[in-house]
Amino acid sequence: MSILIIGKVLEIFKSKILFFVGRSVPMEKAGIVYECMRCGARVPSEELELRGGETKCIICGYRILKKVKPPVVKRVQSK
């Protein structure tokens, strides 16, 4: 019985990892996106707000996240 429960939990965990790791999250759709320094999972800021504002990875629980820079370079005119 417990092996079946563990199998289901692992399936859910793998689907979450496949969703966040290796797939880019569109910046304009997700707002600010953070990347876990340990596992590389991408965590949208909305997901952090849903979890009570804690700054930690939703996959591995590591507390060091870095902000992902947008893929487009802004060009600013100087005078």
PDB file of N, CA and C in Angstrom:
ATOM      1  N   MET A   1       0.823  -1.195   0.000  1.00  0.00           N
ATOM      2  CA  MET A   1       0.000   0.000   0.000  1.00  0.00           C
ATOM      3  C   MET A   1       0.868   1.260   0.000  1.00  0.00           C
ATOM      4  N   SER A   2       1.875   1.305   0.894  1.00  0.00           N
ATOM      5  CA  SER A   2       2.717   2.495   0.980  1.00  0.00           C
ATOM      6  C   SER A   2       3.577   2.666  -0.272  1.00  0.00           C
ATOM      7  N   ILE A   3       3.905   1.563  -0.945  1.00  0.00           N
ATOM      8  CA  ILE A   3       4.692   1.650  -2.180  1.00  0.00           C
ATOM      9  C   ILE A   3       3.871   2.333  -3.268  1.00  0.00           C
ATOM     10  N   LEU A   4       2.569   2.064  -3.320  1.00  0.00           N
ATOM     11  CA  LEU A   4       1.704   2.716  -4.298  1.00  0.00           C
ATOM     12  C   LEU A   4       1.613   4.218  -4.039  1.00  0.00           C
ATOM     13  N   ILE A   5       1.522   4.585  -2.777  1.00  0.00           N
ATOM     14  CA  ILE A   5       1.436   6.011  -2.430  1.00  0.00           C
ATOM     15  C   ILE A   5       2.737   6.718  -2.799  1.00  0.00           C
ATOM     16  N   ILE A   6       3.864   6.090  -2.481  1.00  0.00           N
ATOM     17  CA  ILE A   6       5.157   6.678  -2.829  1.00  0.00           C
ATOM     18  C   ILE A   6       5.304   6.806  -4.338  1.00  0.00           C
ATOM     19  N   GLY A   7       4.820   5.815  -5.086  1.00  0.00           N
ATOM     20  CA  GLY A   7       4.867   5.872  -6.550  1.00  0.00           C
ATOM     21  C   GLY A   7       4.061   7.044  -7.095  1.00  0.00           C
ATOM     22  N   LYS A   8       2.877   7.275  -6.542  1.00  0.00           N
ATOM     23  CA  LYS A   8       2.034   8.402  -6.969  1.00  0.00           C
ATOM     24  C   LYS A   8       2.701   9.732  -6.653  1.00  0.00           C
ATOM     25  N   VAL A   9       3.305   9.834  -5.460  1.00  0.00           N
ATOM     26  CA  VAL A   9       3.984  11.068  -5.073  1.00  0.00           C
ATOM     27  C   VAL A   9       5.153  11.333  -6.015  1.00  0.00           C
ATOM     28  N   LEU A  10       5.903  10.293  -6.359  1.00  0.00           N
ATOM     29  CA  LEU A  10       7.032  10.454  -7.281  1.00  0.00           C
ATOM     30  C   LEU A  10       6.566  10.886  -8.669  1.00  0.00           C
ATOM     31  N   GLU A  11       5.439  10.358  -9.123  1.00  0.00           N
ATOM     32  CA  GLU A  11       4.892  10.772 -10.426  1.00  0.00           C
ATOM     33  C   GLU A  11       4.560  12.254 -10.419  1.00  0.00           C
ATOM     34  N   ILE A  12       3.902  12.721  -9.370  1.00  0.00           N
ATOM     35  CA  ILE A  12       3.543  14.138  -9.261  1.00  0.00           C
ATOM     36  C   ILE A  12       4.800  14.990  -9.205  1.00  0.00           C
ATOM     37  N   PHE A  13       5.791  14.542  -8.422  1.00  0.00           N
ATOM     38  CA  PHE A  13       7.047  15.275  -8.280  1.00  0.00           C
ATOM     39  C   PHE A  13       7.763  15.373  -9.624  1.00  0.00           C
ATOM     40  N   LYS A  14       7.817  14.273 -10.376  1.00  0.00           N
ATOM     41  CA  LYS A  14       8.472  14.278 -11.685  1.00  0.00           C
ATOM     42  C   LYS A  14       7.760  15.209 -12.654  1.00  0.00           C
ATOM     43  N   SER A  15       6.437  15.219 -12.619  1.00  0.00           N
ATOM     44  CA  SER A  15       5.711  16.108 -13.532  1.00  0.00           C
ATOM     45  C   SER A  15       5.980  17.567 -13.198  1.00  0.00           C
ATOM     46  N   LYS A  16       6.107  17.892 -11.901  1.00  0.00           N
ATOM     47  CA  LYS A  16       6.437  19.268 -11.509  1.00  0.00           C
ATOM     48  C   LYS A  16       7.843  19.629 -11.973  1.00  0.00           C
ATOM     49  N   ILE A  17       8.788  18.706 -11.812  1.00  0.00           N
ATOM     50  CA  ILE A  17      10.160  18.977 -12.230  1.00  0.00           C
ATOM     51  C   ILE A  17      10.214  19.181 -13.736  1.00  0.00           C
ATOM     52  N   LEU A  18       9.544  18.331 -14.497  1.00  0.00           N
ATOM     53  CA  LEU A  18       9.562  18.467 -15.949  1.00  0.00           C
ATOM     54  C   LEU A  18       8.904  19.763 -16.385  1.00  0.00           C
ATOM     55  N   PHE A  19       7.937  20.247 -15.600  1.00  0.00           N
ATOM     56  CA  PHE A  19       7.277  21.489 -15.952  1.00  0.00           C
ATOM     57  C   PHE A  19       8.209  22.682 -15.759  1.00  0.00           C
ATOM     58  N   PHE A  20       8.960  22.697 -14.660  1.00  0.00           N
ATOM     59  CA  PHE A  20       9.765  23.868 -14.347  1.00  0.00           C
ATOM     60  C   PHE A  20      11.196  23.792 -14.862  1.00  0.00           C
ATOM     61  N   VAL A  21      11.820  22.633 -14.827  1.00  0.00           N
ATOM     62  CA  VAL A  21      13.212  22.500 -15.232  1.00  0.00           C
ATOM     63  C   VAL A  21      13.265  22.199 -16.721  1.00  0.00           C
ATOM     64  N   GLY A  22      14.086  22.938 -17.442  1.00  0.00           N
ATOM     65  CA  GLY A  22      14.278  22.666 -18.857  1.00  0.00           C
ATOM     66  C   GLY A  22      13.288  23.354 -19.770  1.00  0.00           C
ATOM     67  N   ARG A  23      12.231  23.918 -19.213  1.00  0.00           N
ATOM     68  CA  ARG A  23      11.276  24.652 -20.035  1.00  0.00           C
ATOM     69  C   ARG A  23      11.345  26.112 -19.648  1.00  0.00           C
ATOM     70  N   SER A  24      11.377  26.951 -20.641  1.00  0.00           N
ATOM     71  CA  SER A  24      11.435  28.377 -20.317  1.00  0.00           C
ATOM     72  C   SER A  24      10.035  28.888 -20.036  1.00  0.00           C
ATOM     73  N   VAL A  25       9.943  29.739 -19.059  1.00  0.00           N
ATOM     74  CA  VAL A  25       8.680  30.374 -18.706  1.00  0.00           C
ATOM     75  C   VAL A  25       8.657  31.727 -19.396  1.00  0.00           C
ATOM     76  N   PRO A  26       7.630  32.024 -20.208  1.00  0.00           N
ATOM     77  CA  PRO A  26       7.591  33.329 -20.878  1.00  0.00           C
ATOM     78  C   PRO A  26       7.620  34.463 -19.862  1.00  0.00           C
ATOM     79  N   MET A  27       8.532  35.410 -20.066  1.00  0.00           N
ATOM     80  CA  MET A  27       8.731  36.476 -19.092  1.00  0.00           C
ATOM     81  C   MET A  27       7.512  37.400 -18.990  1.00  0.00           C
ATOM     82  N   GLU A  28       6.891  37.718 -20.135  1.00  0.00           N
ATOM     83  CA  GLU A  28       5.758  38.645 -20.078  1.00  0.00           C
ATOM     84  C   GLU A  28       4.532  37.993 -19.472  1.00  0.00           C
ATOM     85  N   LYS A  29       4.460  36.682 -19.530  1.00  0.00           N
ATOM     86  CA  LYS A  29       3.309  35.980 -18.982  1.00  0.00           C
ATOM     87  C   LYS A  29       3.470  35.730 -17.485  1.00  0.00           C
ATOM     88  N   ALA A  30       4.684  35.435 -17.047  1.00  0.00           N
ATOM     89  CA  ALA A  30       4.907  35.045 -15.662  1.00  0.00           C
ATOM     90  C   ALA A  30       5.411  36.192 -14.787  1.00  0.00           C
ATOM     91  N   GLY A  31       5.726  37.326 -15.347  1.00  0.00           N
ATOM     92  CA  GLY A  31       6.270  38.412 -14.541  1.00  0.00           C
ATOM     93  C   GLY A  31       7.722  38.128 -14.207  1.00  0.00           C
ATOM     94  N   ILE A  32       8.062  38.205 -12.932  1.00  0.00           N
ATOM     95  CA  ILE A  32       9.437  37.934 -12.503  1.00  0.00           C
ATOM     96  C   ILE A  32       9.600  36.429 -12.303  1.00  0.00           C
ATOM     97  N   VAL A  33      10.690  35.894 -12.834  1.00  0.00           N
ATOM     98  CA  VAL A  33      10.973  34.470 -12.699  1.00  0.00           C
ATOM     99  C   VAL A  33      12.310  34.314 -11.984  1.00  0.00           C
ATOM    100  N   TYR A  34      12.342  33.417 -11.000  1.00  0.00           N
ATOM    101  CA  TYR A  34      13.556  33.129 -10.257  1.00  0.00           C
ATOM    102  C   TYR A  34      14.024  31.723 -10.609  1.00  0.00           C
ATOM    103  N   GLU A  35      15.351  31.497 -10.496  1.00  0.00           N
ATOM    104  CA  GLU A  35      15.923  30.193 -10.778  1.00  0.00           C
ATOM    105  C   GLU A  35      16.644  29.691  -9.538  1.00  0.00           C
ATOM    106  N   CYS A  36      16.386  28.443  -9.170  1.00  0.00           N
ATOM    107  CA  CYS A  36      17.019  27.832  -8.010  1.00  0.00           C
ATOM    108  C   CYS A  36      18.491  27.584  -8.316  1.00  0.00           C
ATOM    109  N   MET A  37      19.359  27.912  -7.373  1.00  0.00           N
ATOM    110  CA  MET A  37      20.797  27.729  -7.566  1.00  0.00           C
ATOM    111  C   MET A  37      21.222  26.274  -7.408  1.00  0.00           C
ATOM    112  N   ARG A  38      20.409  25.459  -6.760  1.00  0.00           N
ATOM    113  CA  ARG A  38      20.766  24.062  -6.559  1.00  0.00           C
ATOM    114  C   ARG A  38      20.259  23.174  -7.699  1.00  0.00           C
ATOM    115  N   CYS A  39      18.959  23.218  -7.991  1.00  0.00           N
ATOM    116  CA  CYS A  39      18.398  22.275  -8.971  1.00  0.00           C
ATOM    117  C   CYS A  39      18.089  22.908 -10.318  1.00  0.00           C
ATOM    118  N   GLY A  40      18.103  24.241 -10.410  1.00  0.00           N
ATOM    119  CA  GLY A  40      17.867  24.907 -11.686  1.00  0.00           C
ATOM    120  C   GLY A  40      16.405  25.086 -12.043  1.00  0.00           C
ATOM    121  N   ALA A  41      15.497  24.787 -11.126  1.00  0.00           N
ATOM    122  CA  ALA A  41      14.065  24.945 -11.391  1.00  0.00           C
ATOM    123  C   ALA A  41      13.728  26.424 -11.515  1.00  0.00           C
ATOM    124  N   ARG A  42      12.805  26.743 -12.411  1.00  0.00           N
ATOM    125  CA  ARG A  42      12.349  28.120 -12.580  1.00  0.00           C
ATOM    126  C   ARG A  42      11.055  28.313 -11.812  1.00  0.00           C
ATOM    127  N   VAL A  43      11.066  29.318 -10.939  1.00  0.00           N
ATOM    128  CA  VAL A  43       9.947  29.570 -10.038  1.00  0.00           C
ATOM    129  C   VAL A  43       9.375  30.947 -10.329  1.00  0.00           C
ATOM    130  N   PRO A  44       8.125  31.038 -10.818  1.00  0.00           N
ATOM    131  CA  PRO A  44       7.513  32.350 -11.031  1.00  0.00           C
ATOM    132  C   PRO A  44       7.196  33.033  -9.698  1.00  0.00           C
ATOM    133  N   SER A  45       7.204  34.355  -9.709  1.00  0.00           N
ATOM    134  CA  SER A  45       6.946  35.101  -8.471  1.00  0.00           C
ATOM    135  C   SER A  45       5.533  34.850  -7.947  1.00  0.00           C
ATOM    136  N   GLU A  46       4.592  34.579  -8.837  1.00  0.00           N
ATOM    137  CA  GLU A  46       3.223  34.281  -8.395  1.00  0.00           C
ATOM    138  C   GLU A  46       3.188  33.020  -7.545  1.00  0.00           C
ATOM    139  N   GLU A  47       4.018  32.040  -7.899  1.00  0.00           N
ATOM    140  CA  GLU A  47       4.081  30.795  -7.138  1.00  0.00           C
ATOM    141  C   GLU A  47       4.633  31.054  -5.737  1.00  0.00           C
ATOM    142  N   LEU A  48       5.605  31.958  -5.621  1.00  0.00           N
ATOM    143  CA  LEU A  48       6.150  32.299  -4.306  1.00  0.00           C
ATOM    144  C   LEU A  48       5.099  33.004  -3.457  1.00  0.00           C
ATOM    145  N   GLU A  49       4.291  33.862  -4.085  1.00  0.00           N
ATOM    146  CA  GLU A  49       3.241  34.572  -3.355  1.00  0.00           C
ATOM    147  C   GLU A  49       2.173  33.610  -2.871  1.00  0.00           C
ATOM    148  N   LEU A  50       1.871  32.572  -3.674  1.00  0.00           N
ATOM    149  CA  LEU A  50       0.863  31.591  -3.278  1.00  0.00           C
ATOM    150  C   LEU A  50       1.323  30.774  -2.074  1.00  0.00           C
ATOM    151  N   ARG A  51       2.613  30.634  -1.916  1.00  0.00           N
ATOM    152  CA  ARG A  51       3.161  29.831  -0.822  1.00  0.00           C
ATOM    153  C   ARG A  51       3.505  30.685   0.397  1.00  0.00           C
ATOM    154  N   GLY A  52       2.881  31.824   0.528  1.00  0.00           N
ATOM    155  CA  GLY A  52       3.075  32.655   1.712  1.00  0.00           C
ATOM    156  C   GLY A  52       4.249  33.595   1.635  1.00  0.00           C
ATOM    157  N   GLY A  53       4.818  33.793   0.454  1.00  0.00           N
ATOM    158  CA  GLY A  53       5.914  34.728   0.292  1.00  0.00           C
ATOM    159  C   GLY A  53       7.274  34.199   0.692  1.00  0.00           C
ATOM    160  N   GLU A  54       7.380  32.898   0.985  1.00  0.00           N
ATOM    161  CA  GLU A  54       8.682  32.327   1.326  1.00  0.00           C
ATOM    162  C   GLU A  54       9.578  32.311   0.102  1.00  0.00           C
ATOM    163  N   THR A  55      10.836  32.660   0.295  1.00  0.00           N
ATOM    164  CA  THR A  55      11.795  32.637  -0.805  1.00  0.00           C
ATOM    165  C   THR A  55      12.519  31.300  -0.761  1.00  0.00           C
ATOM    166  N   LYS A  56      11.913  30.297  -1.391  1.00  0.00           N
ATOM    167  CA  LYS A  56      12.575  29.010  -1.501  1.00  0.00           C
ATOM    168  C   LYS A  56      12.020  28.247  -2.694  1.00  0.00           C
ATOM    169  N   CYS A  57      12.846  27.335  -3.199  1.00  0.00           N
ATOM    170  CA  CYS A  57      12.496  26.557  -4.379  1.00  0.00           C
ATOM    171  C   CYS A  57      11.294  25.668  -4.084  1.00  0.00           C
ATOM    172  N   ILE A  58      10.377  25.561  -5.046  1.00  0.00           N
ATOM    173  CA  ILE A  58       9.196  24.733  -4.844  1.00  0.00           C
ATOM    174  C   ILE A  58       9.489  23.260  -5.097  1.00  0.00           C
ATOM    175  N   ILE A  59      10.643  22.953  -5.682  1.00  0.00           N
ATOM    176  CA  ILE A  59      11.002  21.571  -5.959  1.00  0.00           C
ATOM    177  C   ILE A  59      11.875  20.992  -4.850  1.00  0.00           C
ATOM    178  N   CYS A  60      13.014  21.644  -4.569  1.00  0.00           N
ATOM    179  CA  CYS A  60      13.965  21.064  -3.616  1.00  0.00           C
ATOM    180  C   CYS A  60      13.985  21.775  -2.262  1.00  0.00           C
ATOM    181  N   GLY A  61      13.380  22.961  -2.144  1.00  0.00           N
ATOM    182  CA  GLY A  61      13.336  23.670  -0.869  1.00  0.00           C
ATOM    183  C   GLY A  61      14.551  24.532  -0.574  1.00  0.00           C
ATOM    184  N   TYR A  62      15.487  24.627  -1.520  1.00  0.00           N
ATOM    185  CA  TYR A  62      16.686  25.436  -1.334  1.00  0.00           C
ATOM    186  C   TYR A  62      16.292  26.905  -1.266  1.00  0.00           C
ATOM    187  N   ARG A  63      16.962  27.690  -0.426  1.00  0.00           N
ATOM    188  CA  ARG A  63      16.541  29.066  -0.180  1.00  0.00           C
ATOM    189  C   ARG A  63      17.297  30.120  -0.977  1.00  0.00           C
ATOM    190  N   ILE A  64      18.169  29.705  -1.892  1.00  0.00           N
ATOM    191  CA  ILE A  64      18.904  30.683  -2.691  1.00  0.00           C
ATOM    192  C   ILE A  64      18.376  30.650  -4.114  1.00  0.00           C
ATOM    193  N   LEU A  65      17.710  31.743  -4.507  1.00  0.00           N
ATOM    194  CA  LEU A  65      17.149  31.888  -5.847  1.00  0.00           C
ATOM    195  C   LEU A  65      17.783  33.108  -6.501  1.00  0.00           C
ATOM    196  N   LYS A  66      17.989  33.038  -7.812  1.00  0.00           N
ATOM    197  CA  LYS A  66      18.475  34.220  -8.520  1.00  0.00           C
ATOM    198  C   LYS A  66      17.419  34.638  -9.533  1.00  0.00           C
ATOM    199  N   LYS A  67      17.383  35.929  -9.780  1.00  0.00           N
ATOM    200  CA  LYS A  67      16.406  36.466 -10.725  1.00  0.00           C
ATOM    201  C   LYS A  67      16.893  36.193 -12.146  1.00  0.00           C
ATOM    202  N   VAL A  68      16.010  35.643 -12.976  1.00  0.00           N
ATOM    203  CA  VAL A  68      16.356  35.349 -14.368  1.00  0.00           C
ATOM    204  C   VAL A  68      16.203  36.631 -15.175  1.00  0.00           C
ATOM    205  N   LYS A  69      17.239  36.960 -15.921  1.00  0.00           N
ATOM    206  CA  LYS A  69      17.196  38.165 -16.743  1.00  0.00           C
ATOM    207  C   LYS A  69      16.331  37.915 -17.975  1.00  0.00           C
ATOM    208  N   PRO A  70      15.620  38.932 -18.451  1.00  0.00           N
ATOM    209  CA  PRO A  70      14.824  38.763 -19.665  1.00  0.00           C
ATOM    210  C   PRO A  70      15.730  38.512 -20.867  1.00  0.00           C
ATOM    211  N   PRO A  71      15.232  37.759 -21.849  1.00  0.00           N
ATOM    212  CA  PRO A  71      16.071  37.421 -23.009  1.00  0.00           C
ATOM    213  C   PRO A  71      16.317  38.585 -23.964  1.00  0.00           C
ATOM    214  N   VAL A  72      15.562  39.664 -23.836  1.00  0.00           N
ATOM    215  CA  VAL A  72      15.684  40.790 -24.746  1.00  0.00           C
ATOM    216  C   VAL A  72      16.505  41.897 -24.085  1.00  0.00           C
ATOM    217  N   VAL A  73      17.423  42.476 -24.838  1.00  0.00           N
ATOM    218  CA  VAL A  73      18.224  43.573 -24.328  1.00  0.00           C
ATOM    219  C   VAL A  73      17.489  44.884 -24.576  1.00  0.00           C
ATOM    220  N   LYS A  74      17.360  45.686 -23.535  1.00  0.00           N
ATOM    221  CA  LYS A  74      16.712  46.990 -23.699  1.00  0.00           C
ATOM    222  C   LYS A  74      17.733  47.972 -24.264  1.00  0.00           C
ATOM    223  N   ARG A  75      17.300  48.751 -25.213  1.00  0.00           N
ATOM    224  CA  ARG A  75      18.162  49.789 -25.775  1.00  0.00           C
ATOM    225  C   ARG A  75      17.642  51.147 -25.318  1.00  0.00           C
ATOM    226  N   VAL A  76      18.539  51.916 -24.709  1.00  0.00           N
ATOM    227  CA  VAL A  76      18.183  53.231 -24.201  1.00  0.00           C
ATOM    228  C   VAL A  76      19.036  54.260 -24.926  1.00  0.00           C
ATOM    229  N   GLN A  77      18.367  55.308 -25.424  1.00  0.00           N
ATOM    230  CA  GLN A  77      19.098  56.367 -26.116  1.00  0.00           C
ATOM    231  C   GLN A  77      19.728  57.326 -25.139  1.00  0.00           C
ATOM    232  N   SER A  78      20.976  57.680 -25.359  1.00  0.00           N
ATOM    233  CA  SER A  78      21.624  58.657 -24.501  1.00  0.00           C
ATOM    234  C   SER A  78      21.696  59.993 -25.230  1.00  0.00           C
ATOM    235  N   LYS A  79      21.824  61.060 -24.484  1.00  0.00           N
ATOM    236  CA  LYS A  79      21.873  62.387 -25.091  1.00  0.00           C
ATOM    237  C   LYS A  79      23.261  62.915 -25.100  1.00  0.00           C
TER     238      LYS A  79
END
